[in-house]
Amino acid sequence: MAQIKDLSGYLIKTAERGPFDIIGDVHGCFDELLELLKKLNYSVSYEKTEQAFNVTHPLQHKAVFVGDLVDRGPKSPEVLHLVMDMVAAGIAFCVSGNHDDKLYRKLMGRNVQVRHGLELTMEQLGHCSAAFVRRVRDFLETLPHHILLDDGRLVVAHAGLAEHLHGRHSRTVRDLCLYGPTTGEVDQLGLPVRLDWAANYTGHAIVVYGHTPVHEPAWRNNTINIDTGCVFGGRLTALTYPDHILTAVPAHQTYATPARPFVEHKASA
């Protein structure tokens, strides 16, 4: 079964309780994603006649992607192909990241700045068929900004989300899910100054997110950031829920240079 939207058209609600393997920002790191899925006991094969990936798990785990499938890495189309097939087969869910959203807007012909890795993704998609690019566009259009799982006990959003906004939809909620809260100011690099929303999180739901690369995932007030910067030479990390097991594979190489240093988070008491 594919992803199911509620009436808002942006939010997924499901009573599915897992187990789930929540996977951090992939950013075109296809080989590392295959390696991580194998380490998580998924079986991945490619059916040439159907031009489709077949993915199974012996214990019926489902993958959940925190977004930013594309940009900066070497194989964004391959990542998209695999994730689209997994979602279509009902073995995965996926939320939109800011890079995915920007790619969608570019494919829709909107005026966006082609930088921060989008130029590489567009070059790679230029070698793909028009039908595949249309499929990518249609897939990105369907992605919700956050997912509620296990009767709301688990929330997945690309940049995280405060408790009072879980299950809500507005342009503000969408932007918070994609980019996280900011002060409205920019730093010395010209980048938005981000607010540390997780430091003040008091919700009962576990929130799993990415967006801001960290050296090590750390539990902070029932939240965890699992973006360990694979595309920047770090690792690709997954959190298995409800067991809270972290699994990671190292990047095969450094594909891009981060605009700012990785964030250091200490686990909350």
C-alpha atoms as a PDB file:
ATOM      1  CA  MET A   1       0.000   0.000   0.000  1.00  0.00           C
ATOM      2  CA  ALA A   2       1.349   3.433  -0.931  1.00  0.00           C
ATOM      3  CA  GLN A   3       1.407   6.467   1.328  1.00  0.00           C
ATOM      4  CA  ILE A   4      -2.074   7.617   2.318  1.00  0.00           C
ATOM      5  CA  LYS A   5      -2.822  11.295   2.813  1.00  0.00           C
ATOM      6  CA  ASP A   6      -5.532  12.709   4.997  1.00  0.00           C
ATOM      7  CA  LEU A   7      -7.937  15.321   3.651  1.00  0.00           C
ATOM      8  CA  SER A   8      -5.444  18.158   4.078  1.00  0.00           C
ATOM      9  CA  GLY A   9      -3.358  16.615   1.316  1.00  0.00           C
ATOM     10  CA  TYR A  10      -0.195  17.175   3.295  1.00  0.00           C
ATOM     11  CA  LEU A  11      -0.272  14.957   6.376  1.00  0.00           C
ATOM     12  CA  ILE A  12      -0.107  11.225   6.878  1.00  0.00           C
ATOM     13  CA  LYS A  13      -1.799   9.603   9.842  1.00  0.00           C
ATOM     14  CA  THR A  14      -1.518   5.894  10.392  1.00  0.00           C
ATOM     15  CA  ALA A  15      -2.159   3.422  13.182  1.00  0.00           C
ATOM     16  CA  GLU A  16       0.816   1.354  12.035  1.00  0.00           C
ATOM     17  CA  ARG A  17       3.049   0.581  14.987  1.00  0.00           C
ATOM     18  CA  GLY A  18       6.191  -0.598  13.279  1.00  0.00           C
ATOM     19  CA  PRO A  19       8.849  -1.674  13.621  1.00  0.00           C
ATOM     20  CA  PHE A  20      10.174   1.280  11.646  1.00  0.00           C
ATOM     21  CA  ASP A  21      13.701   2.016  10.452  1.00  0.00           C
ATOM     22  CA  ILE A  22      13.914   5.800  10.214  1.00  0.00           C
ATOM     23  CA  ILE A  23      16.686   6.864   7.839  1.00  0.00           C
ATOM     24  CA  GLY A  24      18.499  10.194   7.914  1.00  0.00           C
ATOM     25  CA  ASP A  25      19.305  12.614   5.088  1.00  0.00           C
ATOM     26  CA  VAL A  26      20.516  10.566   2.087  1.00  0.00           C
ATOM     27  CA  HIS A  27      21.464  13.418  -0.289  1.00  0.00           C
ATOM     28  CA  GLY A  28      22.110  11.189  -3.282  1.00  0.00           C
ATOM     29  CA  CYS A  29      24.309   8.677  -1.426  1.00  0.00           C
ATOM     30  CA  PHE A  30      22.777   5.644  -3.129  1.00  0.00           C
ATOM     31  CA  ASP A  31      25.557   3.141  -2.444  1.00  0.00           C
ATOM     32  CA  GLU A  32      25.560   3.970   1.258  1.00  0.00           C
ATOM     33  CA  LEU A  33      21.763   3.660   1.341  1.00  0.00           C
ATOM     34  CA  LEU A  34      21.947   0.170  -0.159  1.00  0.00           C
ATOM     35  CA  GLU A  35      24.603  -0.751   2.394  1.00  0.00           C
ATOM     36  CA  LEU A  36      22.506   0.587   5.267  1.00  0.00           C
ATOM     37  CA  LEU A  37      19.368  -1.224   4.115  1.00  0.00           C
ATOM     38  CA  LYS A  38      21.343  -4.470   3.907  1.00  0.00           C
ATOM     39  CA  LYS A  39      22.720  -3.885   7.409  1.00  0.00           C
ATOM     40  CA  LEU A  40      19.124  -3.413   8.587  1.00  0.00           C
ATOM     41  CA  ASN A  41      18.285  -6.826   7.035  1.00  0.00           C
ATOM     42  CA  TYR A  42      16.365  -5.544   4.022  1.00  0.00           C
ATOM     43  CA  SER A  43      16.690  -7.519   0.802  1.00  0.00           C
ATOM     44  CA  VAL A  44      17.026  -5.260  -2.251  1.00  0.00           C
ATOM     45  CA  SER A  45      16.918  -6.505  -5.829  1.00  0.00           C
ATOM     46  CA  TYR A  46      16.360  -4.825  -9.176  1.00  0.00           C
ATOM     47  CA  GLU A  47      13.960  -6.320 -11.695  1.00  0.00           C
ATOM     48  CA  LYS A  48      15.322  -5.311 -15.100  1.00  0.00           C
ATOM     49  CA  THR A  49      12.208  -6.315 -17.016  1.00  0.00           C
ATOM     50  CA  GLU A  50       9.987  -4.128 -14.828  1.00  0.00           C
ATOM     51  CA  GLN A  51      12.718  -1.531 -14.196  1.00  0.00           C
ATOM     52  CA  ALA A  52      11.784  -1.565 -10.529  1.00  0.00           C
ATOM     53  CA  PHE A  53      13.391  -2.251  -7.178  1.00  0.00           C
ATOM     54  CA  ASN A  54      11.968  -5.039  -5.043  1.00  0.00           C
ATOM     55  CA  VAL A  55      12.581  -4.551  -1.325  1.00  0.00           C
ATOM     56  CA  THR A  56      11.522  -6.885   1.476  1.00  0.00           C
ATOM     57  CA  HIS A  57      12.245  -7.346   5.172  1.00  0.00           C
ATOM     58  CA  PRO A  58      11.983 -10.709   6.967  1.00  0.00           C
ATOM     59  CA  LEU A  59      10.278  -9.132   9.994  1.00  0.00           C
ATOM     60  CA  GLN A  60       8.075  -6.733   8.004  1.00  0.00           C
ATOM     61  CA  HIS A  61       9.942  -3.615   9.081  1.00  0.00           C
ATOM     62  CA  LYS A  62       9.128  -0.445   7.168  1.00  0.00           C
ATOM     63  CA  ALA A  63      11.554   2.333   6.330  1.00  0.00           C
ATOM     64  CA  VAL A  64      10.766   5.983   7.005  1.00  0.00           C
ATOM     65  CA  PHE A  65      12.870   8.609   5.228  1.00  0.00           C
ATOM     66  CA  VAL A  66      13.314  12.005   6.912  1.00  0.00           C
ATOM     67  CA  GLY A  67      13.707  13.790   3.584  1.00  0.00           C
ATOM     68  CA  ASP A  68      16.520  15.416   1.622  1.00  0.00           C
ATOM     69  CA  LEU A  69      16.849  12.455  -0.694  1.00  0.00           C
ATOM     70  CA  VAL A  70      18.628  14.575  -3.303  1.00  0.00           C
ATOM     71  CA  ASP A  71      21.419  17.089  -4.002  1.00  0.00           C
ATOM     72  CA  ARG A  72      25.165  17.132  -3.407  1.00  0.00           C
ATOM     73  CA  GLY A  73      25.635  13.364  -3.706  1.00  0.00           C
ATOM     74  CA  PRO A  74      26.558  11.312  -6.794  1.00  0.00           C
ATOM     75  CA  LYS A  75      23.349   9.340  -7.420  1.00  0.00           C
ATOM     76  CA  SER A  76      20.205  11.318  -6.640  1.00  0.00           C
ATOM     77  CA  PRO A  77      18.132   9.692  -9.445  1.00  0.00           C
ATOM     78  CA  GLU A  78      18.993   6.222  -8.144  1.00  0.00           C
ATOM     79  CA  VAL A  79      17.991   7.223  -4.611  1.00  0.00           C
ATOM     80  CA  LEU A  80      14.717   8.620  -5.916  1.00  0.00           C
ATOM     81  CA  HIS A  81      14.036   5.474  -7.949  1.00  0.00           C
ATOM     82  CA  LEU A  82      14.610   3.193  -4.950  1.00  0.00           C
ATOM     83  CA  VAL A  83      12.597   5.275  -2.488  1.00  0.00           C
ATOM     84  CA  MET A  84       9.735   5.802  -4.944  1.00  0.00           C
ATOM     85  CA  ASP A  85       9.517   2.047  -5.515  1.00  0.00           C
ATOM     86  CA  MET A  86       9.640   1.346  -1.768  1.00  0.00           C
ATOM     87  CA  VAL A  87       6.871   3.850  -1.055  1.00  0.00           C
ATOM     88  CA  ALA A  88       4.759   2.510  -3.924  1.00  0.00           C
ATOM     89  CA  ALA A  89       5.156  -1.024  -2.563  1.00  0.00           C
ATOM     90  CA  GLY A  90       4.119   0.049   0.929  1.00  0.00           C
ATOM     91  CA  ILE A  91       7.434  -0.832   2.561  1.00  0.00           C
ATOM     92  CA  ALA A  92       8.404   2.806   3.180  1.00  0.00           C
ATOM     93  CA  PHE A  93       7.104   6.238   4.081  1.00  0.00           C
ATOM     94  CA  CYS A  94       8.849   9.494   3.234  1.00  0.00           C
ATOM     95  CA  VAL A  95       8.497  13.125   4.256  1.00  0.00           C
ATOM     96  CA  SER A  96       9.698  16.068   2.216  1.00  0.00           C
ATOM     97  CA  GLY A  97      12.950  17.818   2.988  1.00  0.00           C
ATOM     98  CA  ASN A  98      13.827  21.333   1.916  1.00  0.00           C
ATOM     99  CA  HIS A  99      16.031  20.020  -0.911  1.00  0.00           C
ATOM    100  CA  ASP A 100      13.245  17.749  -2.179  1.00  0.00           C
ATOM    101  CA  ASP A 101      10.805  20.656  -2.072  1.00  0.00           C
ATOM    102  CA  LYS A 102      13.166  22.895  -4.011  1.00  0.00           C
ATOM    103  CA  LEU A 103      13.685  20.210  -6.657  1.00  0.00           C
ATOM    104  CA  TYR A 104       9.911  19.892  -6.997  1.00  0.00           C
ATOM    105  CA  ARG A 105       9.550  23.642  -7.490  1.00  0.00           C
ATOM    106  CA  LYS A 106      12.307  23.587 -10.112  1.00  0.00           C
ATOM    107  CA  LEU A 107      10.629  20.721 -11.981  1.00  0.00           C
ATOM    108  CA  MET A 108       7.379  22.699 -11.914  1.00  0.00           C
ATOM    109  CA  GLY A 109       9.140  25.514 -13.749  1.00  0.00           C
ATOM    110  CA  ARG A 110       9.275  27.905 -10.845  1.00  0.00           C
ATOM    111  CA  ASN A 111      12.070  30.405 -10.374  1.00  0.00           C
ATOM    112  CA  VAL A 112      14.502  28.930  -7.844  1.00  0.00           C
ATOM    113  CA  GLN A 113      18.205  29.438  -7.281  1.00  0.00           C
ATOM    114  CA  VAL A 114      20.023  26.406  -8.678  1.00  0.00           C
ATOM    115  CA  ARG A 115      22.711  25.941  -6.048  1.00  0.00           C
ATOM    116  CA  HIS A 116      23.532  23.965  -2.889  1.00  0.00           C
ATOM    117  CA  GLY A 117      23.661  20.765  -4.921  1.00  0.00           C
ATOM    118  CA  LEU A 118      20.524  21.263  -7.004  1.00  0.00           C
ATOM    119  CA  GLU A 119      22.697  21.952 -10.039  1.00  0.00           C
ATOM    120  CA  LEU A 120      24.186  18.453  -9.681  1.00  0.00           C
ATOM    121  CA  THR A 121      20.776  16.804  -9.319  1.00  0.00           C
ATOM    122  CA  MET A 122      19.465  18.602 -12.408  1.00  0.00           C
ATOM    123  CA  GLU A 123      22.522  17.475 -14.371  1.00  0.00           C
ATOM    124  CA  GLN A 124      21.949  13.880 -13.255  1.00  0.00           C
ATOM    125  CA  LEU A 125      18.244  14.017 -14.107  1.00  0.00           C
ATOM    126  CA  GLY A 126      19.221  15.301 -17.536  1.00  0.00           C
ATOM    127  CA  HIS A 127      20.431  11.776 -18.323  1.00  0.00           C
ATOM    128  CA  CYS A 128      17.074  10.246 -17.313  1.00  0.00           C
ATOM    129  CA  SER A 129      13.965   9.765 -19.419  1.00  0.00           C
ATOM    130  CA  ALA A 130      11.231  12.379 -19.478  1.00  0.00           C
ATOM    131  CA  ALA A 131       8.854   9.778 -18.044  1.00  0.00           C
ATOM    132  CA  PHE A 132      11.139   9.210 -15.064  1.00  0.00           C
ATOM    133  CA  VAL A 133      11.446  12.952 -14.406  1.00  0.00           C
ATOM    134  CA  ARG A 134       7.645  13.277 -14.513  1.00  0.00           C
ATOM    135  CA  ARG A 135       7.386  10.423 -12.037  1.00  0.00           C
ATOM    136  CA  VAL A 136       9.852  12.198  -9.739  1.00  0.00           C
ATOM    137  CA  ARG A 137       7.857  15.426  -9.978  1.00  0.00           C
ATOM    138  CA  ASP A 138       4.598  13.644  -9.192  1.00  0.00           C
ATOM    139  CA  PHE A 139       6.192  11.756  -6.283  1.00  0.00           C
ATOM    140  CA  LEU A 140       7.660  14.889  -4.723  1.00  0.00           C
ATOM    141  CA  GLU A 141       4.263  16.564  -4.994  1.00  0.00           C
ATOM    142  CA  THR A 142       2.731  13.826  -2.821  1.00  0.00           C
ATOM    143  CA  LEU A 143       5.238  14.040   0.028  1.00  0.00           C
ATOM    144  CA  PRO A 144       3.791  15.198   3.359  1.00  0.00           C
ATOM    145  CA  HIS A 145       5.657  17.610   5.595  1.00  0.00           C
ATOM    146  CA  HIS A 146       5.342  15.339   8.628  1.00  0.00           C
ATOM    147  CA  ILE A 147       4.097  11.899   9.554  1.00  0.00           C
ATOM    148  CA  LEU A 148       2.337  10.660  12.672  1.00  0.00           C
ATOM    149  CA  LEU A 149       2.913   6.975  13.386  1.00  0.00           C
ATOM    150  CA  ASP A 150       2.006   4.556  16.181  1.00  0.00           C
ATOM    151  CA  ASP A 151      -1.128   6.526  17.101  1.00  0.00           C
ATOM    152  CA  GLY A 152       0.869   9.740  17.351  1.00  0.00           C
ATOM    153  CA  ARG A 153       3.594   8.357  19.614  1.00  0.00           C
ATOM    154  CA  LEU A 154       6.129   8.827  16.817  1.00  0.00           C
ATOM    155  CA  VAL A 155       6.495  11.951  14.670  1.00  0.00           C
ATOM    156  CA  VAL A 156       8.878  12.247  11.727  1.00  0.00           C
ATOM    157  CA  ALA A 157       9.559  15.682  10.225  1.00  0.00           C
ATOM    158  CA  HIS A 158      12.596  16.767   8.244  1.00  0.00           C
ATOM    159  CA  ALA A 159      13.624  19.591  10.585  1.00  0.00           C
ATOM    160  CA  GLY A 160      11.543  18.514  13.604  1.00  0.00           C
ATOM    161  CA  LEU A 161       8.326  19.992  14.974  1.00  0.00           C
ATOM    162  CA  ALA A 162       7.094  21.311  18.324  1.00  0.00           C
ATOM    163  CA  GLU A 163       4.370  19.291  20.043  1.00  0.00           C
ATOM    164  CA  HIS A 164       1.514  21.785  19.685  1.00  0.00           C
ATOM    165  CA  LEU A 165       1.907  21.596  15.899  1.00  0.00           C
ATOM    166  CA  HIS A 166       1.771  17.798  15.559  1.00  0.00           C
ATOM    167  CA  GLY A 167      -1.038  16.817  13.220  1.00  0.00           C
ATOM    168  CA  ARG A 168      -1.672  20.382  12.065  1.00  0.00           C
ATOM    169  CA  HIS A 169      -1.350  21.906   8.649  1.00  0.00           C
ATOM    170  CA  SER A 170      -0.612  25.448   7.587  1.00  0.00           C
ATOM    171  CA  ARG A 171       2.052  27.184   5.535  1.00  0.00           C
ATOM    172  CA  THR A 172       3.836  27.974   8.806  1.00  0.00           C
ATOM    173  CA  VAL A 173       3.819  24.321   9.914  1.00  0.00           C
ATOM    174  CA  ARG A 174       5.045  23.243   6.497  1.00  0.00           C
ATOM    175  CA  ASP A 175       7.927  25.720   6.577  1.00  0.00           C
ATOM    176  CA  LEU A 176       8.890  24.686  10.119  1.00  0.00           C
ATOM    177  CA  CYS A 177       8.984  21.044   9.045  1.00  0.00           C
ATOM    178  CA  LEU A 178      11.171  21.856   6.044  1.00  0.00           C
ATOM    179  CA  TYR A 179      13.529  24.453   7.508  1.00  0.00           C
ATOM    180  CA  GLY A 180      13.087  24.551  11.285  1.00  0.00           C
ATOM    181  CA  PRO A 181      12.533  27.733  13.293  1.00  0.00           C
ATOM    182  CA  THR A 182      14.922  30.638  12.771  1.00  0.00           C
ATOM    183  CA  THR A 183      15.547  33.987  14.438  1.00  0.00           C
ATOM    184  CA  GLY A 184      15.087  35.944  11.215  1.00  0.00           C
ATOM    185  CA  GLU A 185      18.762  36.892  11.281  1.00  0.00           C
ATOM    186  CA  VAL A 186      21.680  35.525   9.269  1.00  0.00           C
ATOM    187  CA  ASP A 187      25.130  34.466  10.450  1.00  0.00           C
ATOM    188  CA  GLN A 188      28.523  35.539   9.120  1.00  0.00           C
ATOM    189  CA  LEU A 189      28.122  33.060   6.260  1.00  0.00           C
ATOM    190  CA  GLY A 190      24.808  34.585   5.251  1.00  0.00           C
ATOM    191  CA  LEU A 191      22.882  31.534   6.478  1.00  0.00           C
ATOM    192  CA  PRO A 192      19.744  31.707   8.662  1.00  0.00           C
ATOM    193  CA  VAL A 193      20.371  31.559  12.415  1.00  0.00           C
ATOM    194  CA  ARG A 194      18.448  28.529  13.644  1.00  0.00           C
ATOM    195  CA  LEU A 195      16.595  28.211  16.929  1.00  0.00           C
ATOM    196  CA  ASP A 196      17.243  25.085  18.999  1.00  0.00           C
ATOM    197  CA  TRP A 197      13.599  23.988  19.269  1.00  0.00           C
ATOM    198  CA  ALA A 198      14.521  20.568  20.727  1.00  0.00           C
ATOM    199  CA  ALA A 199      16.139  22.164  23.790  1.00  0.00           C
ATOM    200  CA  ASN A 200      12.689  23.222  25.001  1.00  0.00           C
ATOM    201  CA  TYR A 201      10.652  20.260  23.734  1.00  0.00           C
ATOM    202  CA  THR A 202       8.352  18.800  26.401  1.00  0.00           C
ATOM    203  CA  GLY A 203       6.117  16.571  24.276  1.00  0.00           C
ATOM    204  CA  HIS A 204       5.231  12.949  24.887  1.00  0.00           C
ATOM    205  CA  ALA A 205       5.644  11.955  21.230  1.00  0.00           C
ATOM    206  CA  ILE A 206       9.100  10.993  20.030  1.00  0.00           C
ATOM    207  CA  VAL A 207      10.245  13.326  17.240  1.00  0.00           C
ATOM    208  CA  VAL A 208      12.845  12.017  14.792  1.00  0.00           C
ATOM    209  CA  TYR A 209      14.354  14.497  12.357  1.00  0.00           C
ATOM    210  CA  GLY A 210      17.439  15.502  10.368  1.00  0.00           C
ATOM    211  CA  HIS A 211      18.246  18.661   8.347  1.00  0.00           C
ATOM    212  CA  THR A 212      21.153  19.869  10.506  1.00  0.00           C
ATOM    213  CA  PRO A 213      24.190  17.535  10.417  1.00  0.00           C
ATOM    214  CA  VAL A 214      25.458  16.310  13.783  1.00  0.00           C
ATOM    215  CA  HIS A 215      28.517  14.225  14.613  1.00  0.00           C
ATOM    216  CA  GLU A 216      26.555  11.887  16.864  1.00  0.00           C
ATOM    217  CA  PRO A 217      22.792  11.412  17.326  1.00  0.00           C
ATOM    218  CA  ALA A 218      21.776  12.258  20.891  1.00  0.00           C
ATOM    219  CA  TRP A 219      18.430  11.948  22.644  1.00  0.00           C
ATOM    220  CA  ARG A 220      17.296  15.382  23.759  1.00  0.00           C
ATOM    221  CA  ASN A 221      13.916  15.769  25.459  1.00  0.00           C
ATOM    222  CA  ASN A 222      12.352  12.864  23.536  1.00  0.00           C
ATOM    223  CA  THR A 223      13.773  14.042  20.199  1.00  0.00           C
ATOM    224  CA  ILE A 224      16.695  12.805  18.127  1.00  0.00           C
ATOM    225  CA  ASN A 225      18.485  14.212  15.074  1.00  0.00           C
ATOM    226  CA  ILE A 226      19.765  11.369  12.879  1.00  0.00           C
ATOM    227  CA  ASP A 227      21.391  13.436  10.104  1.00  0.00           C
ATOM    228  CA  THR A 228      25.028  12.438  10.527  1.00  0.00           C
ATOM    229  CA  GLY A 229      26.201  14.095   7.318  1.00  0.00           C
ATOM    230  CA  CYS A 230      26.841  11.164   4.993  1.00  0.00           C
ATOM    231  CA  VAL A 231      27.251  13.404   1.949  1.00  0.00           C
ATOM    232  CA  PHE A 232      29.853  15.428   3.868  1.00  0.00           C
ATOM    233  CA  GLY A 233      31.951  12.360   4.644  1.00  0.00           C
ATOM    234  CA  GLY A 234      30.116  11.395   7.830  1.00  0.00           C
ATOM    235  CA  ARG A 235      27.696   8.482   8.134  1.00  0.00           C
ATOM    236  CA  LEU A 236      24.226   7.465   7.038  1.00  0.00           C
ATOM    237  CA  THR A 237      22.249   6.640  10.166  1.00  0.00           C
ATOM    238  CA  ALA A 238      18.974   4.878  10.915  1.00  0.00           C
ATOM    239  CA  LEU A 239      16.969   4.669  14.134  1.00  0.00           C
ATOM    240  CA  THR A 240      14.916   1.518  14.631  1.00  0.00           C
ATOM    241  CA  TYR A 241      11.647   2.179  16.461  1.00  0.00           C
ATOM    242  CA  PRO A 242      10.391   1.187  19.000  1.00  0.00           C
ATOM    243  CA  ASP A 243      13.692  -0.420  20.077  1.00  0.00           C
ATOM    244  CA  HIS A 244      15.686   2.836  19.792  1.00  0.00           C
ATOM    245  CA  ILE A 245      18.591   1.051  18.105  1.00  0.00           C
ATOM    246  CA  LEU A 246      20.957   3.200  16.023  1.00  0.00           C
ATOM    247  CA  THR A 247      22.580   1.670  12.932  1.00  0.00           C
ATOM    248  CA  ALA A 248      25.016   3.508  10.670  1.00  0.00           C
ATOM    249  CA  VAL A 249      27.347   3.036   7.723  1.00  0.00           C
ATOM    250  CA  PRO A 250      30.269   5.332   6.868  1.00  0.00           C
ATOM    251  CA  ALA A 251      30.324   7.494   3.764  1.00  0.00           C
ATOM    252  CA  HIS A 252      32.363   5.974   0.964  1.00  0.00           C
ATOM    253  CA  GLN A 253      33.931   9.376   0.398  1.00  0.00           C
ATOM    254  CA  THR A 254      33.384  13.084   1.002  1.00  0.00           C
ATOM    255  CA  TYR A 255      31.077  14.310  -1.762  1.00  0.00           C
ATOM    256  CA  ALA A 256      30.546  17.907  -0.625  1.00  0.00           C
ATOM    257  CA  THR A 257      31.795  20.463   1.880  1.00  0.00           C
ATOM    258  CA  PRO A 258      29.342  21.661   4.545  1.00  0.00           C
ATOM    259  CA  ALA A 259      28.589  25.380   4.672  1.00  0.00           C
ATOM    260  CA  ARG A 260      29.099  25.366   8.436  1.00  0.00           C
ATOM    261  CA  PRO A 261      30.490  22.941  11.031  1.00  0.00           C
ATOM    262  CA  PHE A 262      28.451  20.000  12.279  1.00  0.00           C
ATOM    263  CA  VAL A 263      26.393  20.729  15.387  1.00  0.00           C
ATOM    264  CA  GLU A 264      27.414  19.139  18.677  1.00  0.00           C
ATOM    265  CA  HIS A 265      24.479  18.044  20.853  1.00  0.00           C
ATOM    266  CA  LYS A 266      24.735  16.530  24.310  1.00  0.00           C
ATOM    267  CA  ALA A 267      22.083  14.074  25.422  1.00  0.00           C
ATOM    268  CA  SER A 268      19.551  15.465  27.898  1.00  0.00           C
ATOM    269  CA  ALA A 269      19.419  13.968  31.361  1.00  0.00           C
END
